[in-house]
């Protein structure tokens, strides 16, 4: 269970990361990246960021680019949140597979 502070910081990070990935996706041409969820550790030092990427055939390449640019992305986040947070959390990116699971369940139900 997240505390109120963790929840507020997670929402702030999610909003700012959405803005960052909107610009980031433009450079990748034809990729849509959305931030589906952010979970912050109790000590606020780590942010687990769950991403949904479309189209499916570019998921691995996009995740590779994001991991390579993790430092740059954290720097952009720091610039946006310098007045709200004392320390910018370490970023861990994960692929959100919720939509894929929903599609699979829908296919199974309609067979």
PDB file of N, CA and C in Angstrom:
ATOM      1  N   UNK A   1       0.835  -1.185   0.000  1.00  0.00           N
ATOM      2  CA  UNK A   1       0.000   0.000   0.000  1.00  0.00           C
ATOM      3  C   UNK A   1       0.876   1.244   0.000  1.00  0.00           C
ATOM      4  N   UNK A   2       0.629   2.122  -0.944  1.00  0.00           N
ATOM      5  CA  UNK A   2       1.415   3.342  -1.040  1.00  0.00           C
ATOM      6  C   UNK A   2       0.885   4.398  -0.078  1.00  0.00           C
ATOM      7  N   UNK A   3       1.815   5.170   0.462  1.00  0.00           N
ATOM      8  CA  UNK A   3       1.427   6.295   1.299  1.00  0.00           C
ATOM      9  C   UNK A   3       0.914   7.425   0.414  1.00  0.00           C
ATOM     10  N   UNK A   4       0.323   8.415   1.038  1.00  0.00           N
ATOM     11  CA  UNK A   4      -0.187   9.562   0.283  1.00  0.00           C
ATOM     12  C   UNK A   4       0.946  10.270  -0.451  1.00  0.00           C
ATOM     13  N   UNK A   5       2.077  10.420   0.211  1.00  0.00           N
ATOM     14  CA  UNK A   5       3.227  11.081  -0.418  1.00  0.00           C
ATOM     15  C   UNK A   5       3.726  10.287  -1.624  1.00  0.00           C
ATOM     16  N   UNK A   6       3.845   8.977  -1.484  1.00  0.00           N
ATOM     17  CA  UNK A   6       4.276   8.145  -2.602  1.00  0.00           C
ATOM     18  C   UNK A   6       3.315   8.286  -3.776  1.00  0.00           C
ATOM     19  N   UNK A   7       2.030   8.279  -3.473  1.00  0.00           N
ATOM     20  CA  UNK A   7       1.025   8.391  -4.525  1.00  0.00           C
ATOM     21  C   UNK A   7       1.117   9.736  -5.240  1.00  0.00           C
ATOM     22  N   UNK A   8       1.275  10.825  -4.491  1.00  0.00           N
ATOM     23  CA  UNK A   8       1.388  12.157  -5.100  1.00  0.00           C
ATOM     24  C   UNK A   8       2.628  12.261  -5.982  1.00  0.00           C
ATOM     25  N   UNK A   9       3.738  11.732  -5.503  1.00  0.00           N
ATOM     26  CA  UNK A   9       4.972  11.792  -6.293  1.00  0.00           C
ATOM     27  C   UNK A   9       4.857  10.912  -7.528  1.00  0.00           C
ATOM     28  N   UNK A  10       4.227   9.744  -7.387  1.00  0.00           N
ATOM     29  CA  UNK A  10       4.035   8.866  -8.540  1.00  0.00           C
ATOM     30  C   UNK A  10       3.199   9.558  -9.608  1.00  0.00           C
ATOM     31  N   UNK A  11       2.139  10.254  -9.202  1.00  0.00           N
ATOM     32  CA  UNK A  11       1.302  10.985 -10.163  1.00  0.00           C
ATOM     33  C   UNK A  11       2.083  12.113 -10.850  1.00  0.00           C
ATOM     34  N   UNK A  12       2.892  12.827 -10.081  1.00  0.00           N
ATOM     35  CA  UNK A  12       3.714  13.896 -10.633  1.00  0.00           C
ATOM     36  C   UNK A  12       4.703  13.342 -11.659  1.00  0.00           C
ATOM     37  N   UNK A  13       5.368  12.256 -11.295  1.00  0.00           N
ATOM     38  CA  UNK A  13       6.327  11.634 -12.217  1.00  0.00           C
ATOM     39  C   UNK A  13       5.617  11.116 -13.454  1.00  0.00           C
ATOM     40  N   UNK A  14       4.437  10.508 -13.292  1.00  0.00           N
ATOM     41  CA  UNK A  14       3.699   9.982 -14.435  1.00  0.00           C
ATOM     42  C   UNK A  14       3.348  11.099 -15.416  1.00  0.00           C
ATOM     43  N   UNK A  15       2.900  12.231 -14.901  1.00  0.00           N
ATOM     44  CA  UNK A  15       2.548  13.367 -15.765  1.00  0.00           C
ATOM     45  C   UNK A  15       3.771  13.875 -16.527  1.00  0.00           C
ATOM     46  N   UNK A  16       4.863  14.072 -15.806  1.00  0.00           N
ATOM     47  CA  UNK A  16       6.069  14.597 -16.453  1.00  0.00           C
ATOM     48  C   UNK A  16       6.689  13.579 -17.416  1.00  0.00           C
ATOM     49  N   UNK A  17       6.656  12.295 -17.058  1.00  0.00           N
ATOM     50  CA  UNK A  17       7.195  11.271 -17.956  1.00  0.00           C
ATOM     51  C   UNK A  17       6.352  11.160 -19.221  1.00  0.00           C
ATOM     52  N   UNK A  18       5.056  11.370 -19.107  1.00  0.00           N
ATOM     53  CA  UNK A  18       4.194  11.360 -20.291  1.00  0.00           C
ATOM     54  C   UNK A  18       4.600  12.469 -21.254  1.00  0.00           C
ATOM     55  N   UNK A  19       4.885  13.649 -20.727  1.00  0.00           N
ATOM     56  CA  UNK A  19       5.347  14.756 -21.567  1.00  0.00           C
ATOM     57  C   UNK A  19       6.691  14.437 -22.216  1.00  0.00           C
ATOM     58  N   UNK A  20       7.594  13.857 -21.437  1.00  0.00           N
ATOM     59  CA  UNK A  20       8.925  13.504 -21.960  1.00  0.00           C
ATOM     60  C   UNK A  20       8.791  12.474 -23.073  1.00  0.00           C
ATOM     61  N   UNK A  21       7.975  11.434 -22.852  1.00  0.00           N
ATOM     62  CA  UNK A  21       7.848  10.385 -23.866  1.00  0.00           C
ATOM     63  C   UNK A  21       7.059  10.828 -25.088  1.00  0.00           C
ATOM     64  N   UNK A  22       6.242  11.830 -24.958  1.00  0.00           N
ATOM     65  CA  UNK A  22       5.567  12.389 -26.125  1.00  0.00           C
ATOM     66  C   UNK A  22       6.613  12.971 -27.075  1.00  0.00           C
ATOM     67  N   UNK A  23       7.552  13.729 -26.528  1.00  0.00           N
ATOM     68  CA  UNK A  23       8.644  14.276 -27.346  1.00  0.00           C
ATOM     69  C   UNK A  23       9.590  13.177 -27.822  1.00  0.00           C
ATOM     70  N   UNK A  24       9.868  12.225 -26.961  1.00  0.00           N
ATOM     71  CA  UNK A  24      10.791  11.129 -27.278  1.00  0.00           C
ATOM     72  C   UNK A  24      10.257  10.284 -28.435  1.00  0.00           C
ATOM     73  N   UNK A  25       8.943  10.021 -28.437  1.00  0.00           N
ATOM     74  CA  UNK A  25       8.343   9.190 -29.480  1.00  0.00           C
ATOM     75  C   UNK A  25       8.378   9.876 -30.839  1.00  0.00           C
ATOM     76  N   UNK A  26       8.334  11.194 -30.852  1.00  0.00           N
ATOM     77  CA  UNK A  26       8.414  11.917 -32.133  1.00  0.00           C
ATOM     78  C   UNK A  26       9.738  11.637 -32.825  1.00  0.00           C
ATOM     79  N   UNK A  27      10.803  11.498 -32.058  1.00  0.00           N
ATOM     80  CA  UNK A  27      12.119  11.217 -32.633  1.00  0.00           C
ATOM     81  C   UNK A  27      12.206   9.791 -33.171  1.00  0.00           C
ATOM     82  N   UNK A  28      11.381   8.899 -32.661  1.00  0.00           N
ATOM     83  CA  UNK A  28      11.406   7.499 -33.107  1.00  0.00           C
ATOM     84  C   UNK A  28      10.500   7.246 -34.308  1.00  0.00           C
ATOM     85  N   UNK A  29       9.689   8.206 -34.700  1.00  0.00           N
ATOM     86  CA  UNK A  29       8.832   8.134 -35.880  1.00  0.00           C
ATOM     87  C   UNK A  29       7.968   6.876 -35.908  1.00  0.00           C
ATOM     88  N   UNK A  30       6.686   7.064 -35.698  1.00  0.00           N
ATOM     89  CA  UNK A  30       5.732   5.973 -35.815  1.00  0.00           C
ATOM     90  C   UNK A  30       5.578   5.117 -34.574  1.00  0.00           C
ATOM     91  N   UNK A  31       6.063   5.594 -33.446  1.00  0.00           N
ATOM     92  CA  UNK A  31       5.938   4.839 -32.198  1.00  0.00           C
ATOM     93  C   UNK A  31       5.131   5.676 -31.213  1.00  0.00           C
ATOM     94  N   UNK A  32       4.210   5.025 -30.527  1.00  0.00           N
ATOM     95  CA  UNK A  32       3.415   5.679 -29.501  1.00  0.00           C
ATOM     96  C   UNK A  32       3.803   5.073 -28.156  1.00  0.00           C
ATOM     97  N   UNK A  33       4.220   5.908 -27.225  1.00  0.00           N
ATOM     98  CA  UNK A  33       4.624   5.463 -25.889  1.00  0.00           C
ATOM     99  C   UNK A  33       3.729   6.153 -24.876  1.00  0.00           C
ATOM    100  N   UNK A  34       3.081   5.337 -24.038  1.00  0.00           N
ATOM    101  CA  UNK A  34       2.279   5.924 -22.971  1.00  0.00           C
ATOM    102  C   UNK A  34       2.725   5.358 -21.622  1.00  0.00           C
ATOM    103  N   UNK A  35       2.667   6.201 -20.618  1.00  0.00           N
ATOM    104  CA  UNK A  35       3.044   5.808 -19.266  1.00  0.00           C
ATOM    105  C   UNK A  35       1.770   5.351 -18.569  1.00  0.00           C
ATOM    106  N   UNK A  36       1.652   4.042 -18.354  1.00  0.00           N
ATOM    107  CA  UNK A  36       0.417   3.515 -17.783  1.00  0.00           C
ATOM    108  C   UNK A  36       0.390   3.561 -16.266  1.00  0.00           C
ATOM    109  N   UNK A  37       1.566   3.459 -15.637  1.00  0.00           N
ATOM    110  CA  UNK A  37       1.595   3.478 -14.174  1.00  0.00           C
ATOM    111  C   UNK A  37       3.003   3.810 -13.697  1.00  0.00           C
ATOM    112  N   UNK A  38       3.071   4.444 -12.549  1.00  0.00           N
ATOM    113  CA  UNK A  38       4.344   4.711 -11.872  1.00  0.00           C
ATOM    114  C   UNK A  38       4.199   4.278 -10.424  1.00  0.00           C
ATOM    115  N   UNK A  39       5.163   3.499  -9.953  1.00  0.00           N
ATOM    116  CA  UNK A  39       5.197   3.090  -8.542  1.00  0.00           C
ATOM    117  C   UNK A  39       6.502   3.582  -7.947  1.00  0.00           C
ATOM    118  N   UNK A  40       6.415   4.250  -6.814  1.00  0.00           N
ATOM    119  CA  UNK A  40       7.583   4.831  -6.163  1.00  0.00           C
ATOM    120  C   UNK A  40       7.873   4.029  -4.894  1.00  0.00           C
ATOM    121  N   UNK A  41       9.150   3.768  -4.653  1.00  0.00           N
ATOM    122  CA  UNK A  41       9.543   3.027  -3.455  1.00  0.00           C
ATOM    123  C   UNK A  41       9.254   3.857  -2.201  1.00  0.00           C
ATOM    124  N   UNK A  42       9.136   3.203  -1.043  1.00  0.00           N
ATOM    125  CA  UNK A  42       8.820   3.940   0.192  1.00  0.00           C
ATOM    126  C   UNK A  42       9.820   5.049   0.541  1.00  0.00           C
ATOM    127  N   UNK A  43      11.093   4.848   0.184  1.00  0.00           N
ATOM    128  CA  UNK A  43      12.080   5.896   0.476  1.00  0.00           C
ATOM    129  C   UNK A  43      12.217   6.907  -0.660  1.00  0.00           C
ATOM    130  N   UNK A  44      11.366   6.788  -1.683  1.00  0.00           N
ATOM    131  CA  UNK A  44      11.306   7.709  -2.833  1.00  0.00           C
ATOM    132  C   UNK A  44      12.579   7.718  -3.672  1.00  0.00           C
ATOM    133  N   UNK A  45      13.400   6.672  -3.574  1.00  0.00           N
ATOM    134  CA  UNK A  45      14.654   6.643  -4.317  1.00  0.00           C
ATOM    135  C   UNK A  45      14.548   5.917  -5.653  1.00  0.00           C
ATOM    136  N   UNK A  46      13.479   5.148  -5.852  1.00  0.00           N
ATOM    137  CA  UNK A  46      13.312   4.372  -7.081  1.00  0.00           C
ATOM    138  C   UNK A  46      11.897   4.565  -7.605  1.00  0.00           C
ATOM    139  N   UNK A  47      11.801   4.804  -8.905  1.00  0.00           N
ATOM    140  CA  UNK A  47      10.492   4.895  -9.562  1.00  0.00           C
ATOM    141  C   UNK A  47      10.416   3.806 -10.618  1.00  0.00           C
ATOM    142  N   UNK A  48       9.451   2.900 -10.461  1.00  0.00           N
ATOM    143  CA  UNK A  48       9.190   1.871 -11.460  1.00  0.00           C
ATOM    144  C   UNK A  48       8.141   2.412 -12.408  1.00  0.00           C
ATOM    145  N   UNK A  49       8.524   2.546 -13.677  1.00  0.00           N
ATOM    146  CA  UNK A  49       7.670   3.178 -14.675  1.00  0.00           C
ATOM    147  C   UNK A  49       7.229   2.116 -15.677  1.00  0.00           C
ATOM    148  N   UNK A  50       5.917   1.962 -15.818  1.00  0.00           N
ATOM    149  CA  UNK A  50       5.347   0.957 -16.704  1.00  0.00           C
ATOM    150  C   UNK A  50       4.895   1.636 -17.985  1.00  0.00           C
ATOM    151  N   UNK A  51       5.435   1.147 -19.107  1.00  0.00           N
ATOM    152  CA  UNK A  51       5.194   1.760 -20.406  1.00  0.00           C
ATOM    153  C   UNK A  51       4.374   0.839 -21.305  1.00  0.00           C
ATOM    154  N   UNK A  52       3.487   1.442 -22.061  1.00  0.00           N
ATOM    155  CA  UNK A  52       2.744   0.742 -23.094  1.00  0.00           C
ATOM    156  C   UNK A  52       3.236   1.300 -24.424  1.00  0.00           C
ATOM    157  N   UNK A  53       3.679   0.414 -25.315  1.00  0.00           N
ATOM    158  CA  UNK A  53       4.289   0.840 -26.575  1.00  0.00           C
ATOM    159  C   UNK A  53       3.505   0.249 -27.739  1.00  0.00           C
ATOM    160  N   UNK A  54       3.231   1.089 -28.720  1.00  0.00           N
ATOM    161  CA  UNK A  54       2.533   0.683 -29.936  1.00  0.00           C
ATOM    162  C   UNK A  54       3.297   1.196 -31.137  1.00  0.00           C
ATOM    163  N   UNK A  55       3.487   0.477 -32.171  1.00  0.00           N
ATOM    164  CA  UNK A  55       3.039  -0.870 -32.516  1.00  0.00           C
ATOM    165  C   UNK A  55       3.905  -1.950 -31.858  1.00  0.00           C
ATOM    166  N   UNK A  56       3.354  -3.147 -31.806  1.00  0.00           N
ATOM    167  CA  UNK A  56       4.000  -4.262 -31.126  1.00  0.00           C
ATOM    168  C   UNK A  56       5.336  -4.652 -31.745  1.00  0.00           C
ATOM    169  N   UNK A  57       5.494  -4.486 -33.044  1.00  0.00           N
ATOM    170  CA  UNK A  57       6.743  -4.905 -33.689  1.00  0.00           C
ATOM    171  C   UNK A  57       7.931  -4.002 -33.343  1.00  0.00           C
ATOM    172  N   UNK A  58       7.682  -2.860 -32.712  1.00  0.00           N
ATOM    173  CA  UNK A  58       8.776  -1.951 -32.352  1.00  0.00           C
ATOM    174  C   UNK A  58       9.043  -1.897 -30.848  1.00  0.00           C
ATOM    175  N   UNK A  59       8.437  -2.812 -30.103  1.00  0.00           N
ATOM    176  CA  UNK A  59       8.558  -2.791 -28.645  1.00  0.00           C
ATOM    177  C   UNK A  59       9.997  -2.995 -28.205  1.00  0.00           C
ATOM    178  N   UNK A  60      10.657  -4.034 -28.699  1.00  0.00           N
ATOM    179  CA  UNK A  60      12.013  -4.336 -28.248  1.00  0.00           C
ATOM    180  C   UNK A  60      12.997  -3.224 -28.607  1.00  0.00           C
ATOM    181  N   UNK A  61      12.926  -2.715 -29.829  1.00  0.00           N
ATOM    182  CA  UNK A  61      13.816  -1.618 -30.237  1.00  0.00           C
ATOM    183  C   UNK A  61      13.593  -0.377 -29.380  1.00  0.00           C
ATOM    184  N   UNK A  62      12.331  -0.070 -29.128  1.00  0.00           N
ATOM    185  CA  UNK A  62      12.000   1.111 -28.336  1.00  0.00           C
ATOM    186  C   UNK A  62      12.488   0.962 -26.903  1.00  0.00           C
ATOM    187  N   UNK A  63      12.277  -0.200 -26.295  1.00  0.00           N
ATOM    188  CA  UNK A  63      12.753  -0.429 -24.925  1.00  0.00           C
ATOM    189  C   UNK A  63      14.279  -0.351 -24.859  1.00  0.00           C
ATOM    190  N   UNK A  64      14.956  -0.842 -25.886  1.00  0.00           N
ATOM    191  CA  UNK A  64      16.424  -0.753 -25.942  1.00  0.00           C
ATOM    192  C   UNK A  64      16.862   0.708 -25.985  1.00  0.00           C
ATOM    193  N   UNK A  65      16.205   1.521 -26.819  1.00  0.00           N
ATOM    194  CA  UNK A  65      16.529   2.952 -26.904  1.00  0.00           C
ATOM    195  C   UNK A  65      16.284   3.648 -25.566  1.00  0.00           C
ATOM    196  N   UNK A  66      15.184   3.303 -24.920  1.00  0.00           N
ATOM    197  CA  UNK A  66      14.852   3.929 -23.641  1.00  0.00           C
ATOM    198  C   UNK A  66      15.896   3.581 -22.589  1.00  0.00           C
ATOM    199  N   UNK A  67      16.308   2.321 -22.535  1.00  0.00           N
ATOM    200  CA  UNK A  67      17.334   1.912 -21.565  1.00  0.00           C
ATOM    201  C   UNK A  67      18.659   2.613 -21.836  1.00  0.00           C
ATOM    202  N   UNK A  68      19.010   2.783 -23.110  1.00  0.00           N
ATOM    203  CA  UNK A  68      20.253   3.480 -23.464  1.00  0.00           C
ATOM    204  C   UNK A  68      20.199   4.949 -23.075  1.00  0.00           C
ATOM    205  N   UNK A  69      19.021   5.555 -23.172  1.00  0.00           N
ATOM    206  CA  UNK A  69      18.855   6.986 -22.891  1.00  0.00           C
ATOM    207  C   UNK A  69      18.335   7.256 -21.479  1.00  0.00           C
ATOM    208  N   UNK A  70      18.406   6.274 -20.601  1.00  0.00           N
ATOM    209  CA  UNK A  70      17.851   6.399 -19.246  1.00  0.00           C
ATOM    210  C   UNK A  70      18.419   7.606 -18.503  1.00  0.00           C
ATOM    211  N   UNK A  71      19.718   7.853 -18.620  1.00  0.00           N
ATOM    212  CA  UNK A  71      20.336   8.994 -17.948  1.00  0.00           C
ATOM    213  C   UNK A  71      19.824  10.323 -18.465  1.00  0.00           C
ATOM    214  N   UNK A  72      19.667  10.411 -19.772  1.00  0.00           N
ATOM    215  CA  UNK A  72      19.151  11.634 -20.394  1.00  0.00           C
ATOM    216  C   UNK A  72      17.696  11.873 -19.972  1.00  0.00           C
ATOM    217  N   UNK A  73      16.909  10.800 -19.936  1.00  0.00           N
ATOM    218  CA  UNK A  73      15.503  10.910 -19.543  1.00  0.00           C
ATOM    219  C   UNK A  73      15.410  11.350 -18.080  1.00  0.00           C
ATOM    220  N   UNK A  74      16.263  10.793 -17.224  1.00  0.00           N
ATOM    221  CA  UNK A  74      16.268  11.186 -15.810  1.00  0.00           C
ATOM    222  C   UNK A  74      16.662  12.656 -15.664  1.00  0.00           C
ATOM    223  N   UNK A  75      17.596  13.115 -16.501  1.00  0.00           N
ATOM    224  CA  UNK A  75      17.989  14.523 -16.479  1.00  0.00           C
ATOM    225  C   UNK A  75      16.843  15.441 -16.863  1.00  0.00           C
ATOM    226  N   UNK A  76      16.072  15.036 -17.885  1.00  0.00           N
ATOM    227  CA  UNK A  76      14.902  15.827 -18.287  1.00  0.00           C
ATOM    228  C   UNK A  76      13.865  15.863 -17.170  1.00  0.00           C
ATOM    229  N   UNK A  77      13.666  14.724 -16.520  1.00  0.00           N
ATOM    230  CA  UNK A  77      12.733  14.659 -15.401  1.00  0.00           C
ATOM    231  C   UNK A  77      13.205  15.567 -14.265  1.00  0.00           C
ATOM    232  N   UNK A  78      14.508  15.574 -14.009  1.00  0.00           N
ATOM    233  CA  UNK A  78      15.077  16.437 -12.976  1.00  0.00           C
ATOM    234  C   UNK A  78      14.856  17.909 -13.276  1.00  0.00           C
ATOM    235  N   UNK A  79      14.977  18.268 -14.546  1.00  0.00           N
ATOM    236  CA  UNK A  79      14.757  19.664 -14.924  1.00  0.00           C
ATOM    237  C   UNK A  79      13.298  20.072 -14.710  1.00  0.00           C
ATOM    238  N   UNK A  80      12.375  19.146 -14.946  1.00  0.00           N
ATOM    239  CA  UNK A  80      10.952  19.453 -14.780  1.00  0.00           C
ATOM    240  C   UNK A  80      10.529  19.478 -13.305  1.00  0.00           C
ATOM    241  N   UNK A  81      11.173  18.664 -12.490  1.00  0.00           N
ATOM    242  CA  UNK A  81      10.738  18.523 -11.101  1.00  0.00           C
ATOM    243  C   UNK A  81      11.714  19.089 -10.082  1.00  0.00           C
ATOM    244  N   UNK A  82      12.608  19.947 -10.503  1.00  0.00           N
ATOM    245  CA  UNK A  82      13.645  20.449  -9.596  1.00  0.00           C
ATOM    246  C   UNK A  82      13.083  21.211  -8.399  1.00  0.00           C
ATOM    247  N   UNK A  83      11.886  21.773  -8.530  1.00  0.00           N
ATOM    248  CA  UNK A  83      11.296  22.522  -7.424  1.00  0.00           C
ATOM    249  C   UNK A  83      10.404  21.659  -6.526  1.00  0.00           C
ATOM    250  N   UNK A  84      10.011  20.473  -7.025  1.00  0.00           N
ATOM    251  CA  UNK A  84       9.130  19.612  -6.250  1.00  0.00           C
ATOM    252  C   UNK A  84       9.874  18.533  -5.459  1.00  0.00           C
ATOM    253  N   UNK A  85      10.977  18.035  -6.008  1.00  0.00           N
ATOM    254  CA  UNK A  85      11.693  16.921  -5.383  1.00  0.00           C
ATOM    255  C   UNK A  85      13.129  17.296  -5.064  1.00  0.00           C
ATOM    256  N   UNK A  86      13.577  16.879  -3.908  1.00  0.00           N
ATOM    257  CA  UNK A  86      14.970  17.108  -3.533  1.00  0.00           C
ATOM    258  C   UNK A  86      15.905  16.199  -4.324  1.00  0.00           C
ATOM    259  N   UNK A  87      15.521  14.921  -4.419  1.00  0.00           N
ATOM    260  CA  UNK A  87      16.323  13.929  -5.137  1.00  0.00           C
ATOM    261  C   UNK A  87      15.437  13.298  -6.208  1.00  0.00           C
ATOM    262  N   UNK A  88      15.972  13.238  -7.424  1.00  0.00           N
ATOM    263  CA  UNK A  88      15.236  12.597  -8.511  1.00  0.00           C
ATOM    264  C   UNK A  88      15.453  11.094  -8.381  1.00  0.00           C
ATOM    265  N   UNK A  89      14.389  10.301  -8.349  1.00  0.00           N
ATOM    266  CA  UNK A  89      14.552   8.857  -8.151  1.00  0.00           C
ATOM    267  C   UNK A  89      15.229   8.175  -9.339  1.00  0.00           C
ATOM    268  N   UNK A  90      15.837   7.042  -9.050  1.00  0.00           N
ATOM    269  CA  UNK A  90      16.402   6.198 -10.093  1.00  0.00           C
ATOM    270  C   UNK A  90      15.228   5.619 -10.873  1.00  0.00           C
ATOM    271  N   UNK A  91      15.347   5.575 -12.190  1.00  0.00           N
ATOM    272  CA  UNK A  91      14.243   5.137 -13.033  1.00  0.00           C
ATOM    273  C   UNK A  91      14.441   3.699 -13.496  1.00  0.00           C
ATOM    274  N   UNK A  92      13.409   2.897 -13.318  1.00  0.00           N
ATOM    275  CA  UNK A  92      13.391   1.530 -13.816  1.00  0.00           C
ATOM    276  C   UNK A  92      12.194   1.416 -14.750  1.00  0.00           C
ATOM    277  N   UNK A  93      12.462   1.067 -16.001  1.00  0.00           N
ATOM    278  CA  UNK A  93      11.395   0.982 -16.997  1.00  0.00           C
ATOM    279  C   UNK A  93      10.959  -0.463 -17.185  1.00  0.00           C
ATOM    280  N   UNK A  94       9.646  -0.660 -17.249  1.00  0.00           N
ATOM    281  CA  UNK A  94       9.068  -1.980 -17.448  1.00  0.00           C
ATOM    282  C   UNK A  94       8.013  -1.881 -18.544  1.00  0.00           C
ATOM    283  N   UNK A  95       7.860  -2.962 -19.281  1.00  0.00           N
ATOM    284  CA  UNK A  95       6.838  -3.020 -20.310  1.00  0.00           C
ATOM    285  C   UNK A  95       5.521  -3.427 -19.663  1.00  0.00           C
ATOM    286  N   UNK A  96       4.484  -2.636 -19.860  1.00  0.00           N
ATOM    287  CA  UNK A  96       3.160  -2.948 -19.325  1.00  0.00           C
ATOM    288  C   UNK A  96       2.449  -3.837 -20.330  1.00  0.00           C
ATOM    289  N   UNK A  97       2.181  -5.052 -19.935  1.00  0.00           N
ATOM    290  CA  UNK A  97       1.571  -6.026 -20.845  1.00  0.00           C
ATOM    291  C   UNK A  97       0.089  -6.229 -20.571  1.00  0.00           C
ATOM    292  N   UNK A  98      -0.524  -5.323 -19.860  1.00  0.00           N
ATOM    293  CA  UNK A  98      -1.937  -5.441 -19.517  1.00  0.00           C
ATOM    294  C   UNK A  98      -2.809  -5.471 -20.765  1.00  0.00           C
ATOM    295  N   UNK A  99      -2.538  -4.603 -21.721  1.00  0.00           N
ATOM    296  CA  UNK A  99      -3.351  -4.534 -22.943  1.00  0.00           C
ATOM    297  C   UNK A  99      -3.212  -5.828 -23.735  1.00  0.00           C
ATOM    298  N   UNK A 100      -2.001  -6.376 -23.798  1.00  0.00           N
ATOM    299  CA  UNK A 100      -1.791  -7.634 -24.510  1.00  0.00           C
ATOM    300  C   UNK A 100      -2.591  -8.760 -23.859  1.00  0.00           C
ATOM    301  N   UNK A 101      -2.592  -8.791 -22.523  1.00  0.00           N
ATOM    302  CA  UNK A 101      -3.348  -9.824 -21.812  1.00  0.00           C
ATOM    303  C   UNK A 101      -4.849  -9.662 -22.059  1.00  0.00           C
ATOM    304  N   UNK A 102      -5.326  -8.421 -22.078  1.00  0.00           N
ATOM    305  CA  UNK A 102      -6.748  -8.181 -22.331  1.00  0.00           C
ATOM    306  C   UNK A 102      -7.134  -8.636 -23.737  1.00  0.00           C
ATOM    307  N   UNK A 103      -6.286  -8.358 -24.722  1.00  0.00           N
ATOM    308  CA  UNK A 103      -6.561  -8.786 -26.094  1.00  0.00           C
ATOM    309  C   UNK A 103      -6.594 -10.306 -26.187  1.00  0.00           C
ATOM    310  N   UNK A 104      -5.661 -10.959 -25.508  1.00  0.00           N
ATOM    311  CA  UNK A 104      -5.600 -12.421 -25.517  1.00  0.00           C
ATOM    312  C   UNK A 104      -6.858 -13.014 -24.882  1.00  0.00           C
ATOM    313  N   UNK A 105      -7.294 -12.458 -23.770  1.00  0.00           N
ATOM    314  CA  UNK A 105      -8.518 -12.941 -23.114  1.00  0.00           C
ATOM    315  C   UNK A 105      -9.718 -12.711 -24.023  1.00  0.00           C
ATOM    316  N   UNK A 106      -9.778 -11.565 -24.666  1.00  0.00           N
ATOM    317  CA  UNK A 106     -10.874 -11.260 -25.581  1.00  0.00           C
ATOM    318  C   UNK A 106     -10.903 -12.253 -26.742  1.00  0.00           C
ATOM    319  N   UNK A 107      -9.735 -12.584 -27.286  1.00  0.00           N
ATOM    320  CA  UNK A 107      -9.657 -13.573 -28.378  1.00  0.00           C
ATOM    321  C   UNK A 107     -10.150 -14.933 -27.905  1.00  0.00           C
ATOM    322  N   UNK A 108      -9.747 -15.323 -26.697  1.00  0.00           N
ATOM    323  CA  UNK A 108     -10.156 -16.614 -26.175  1.00  0.00           C
ATOM    324  C   UNK A 108     -11.670 -16.679 -25.933  1.00  0.00           C
ATOM    325  N   UNK A 109     -12.248 -15.570 -25.486  1.00  0.00           N
ATOM    326  CA  UNK A 109     -13.674 -15.532 -25.224  1.00  0.00           C
ATOM    327  C   UNK A 109     -14.507 -15.560 -26.499  1.00  0.00           C
ATOM    328  N   UNK A 110     -13.947 -15.064 -27.590  1.00  0.00           N
ATOM    329  CA  UNK A 110     -14.692 -14.978 -28.846  1.00  0.00           C
ATOM    330  C   UNK A 110     -14.399 -16.130 -29.807  1.00  0.00           C
ATOM    331  N   UNK A 111     -13.771 -17.176 -29.314  1.00  0.00           N
ATOM    332  CA  UNK A 111     -13.492 -18.317 -30.190  1.00  0.00           C
ATOM    333  C   UNK A 111     -14.656 -19.259 -30.230  1.00  0.00           C
TER     334      UNK A 111
END
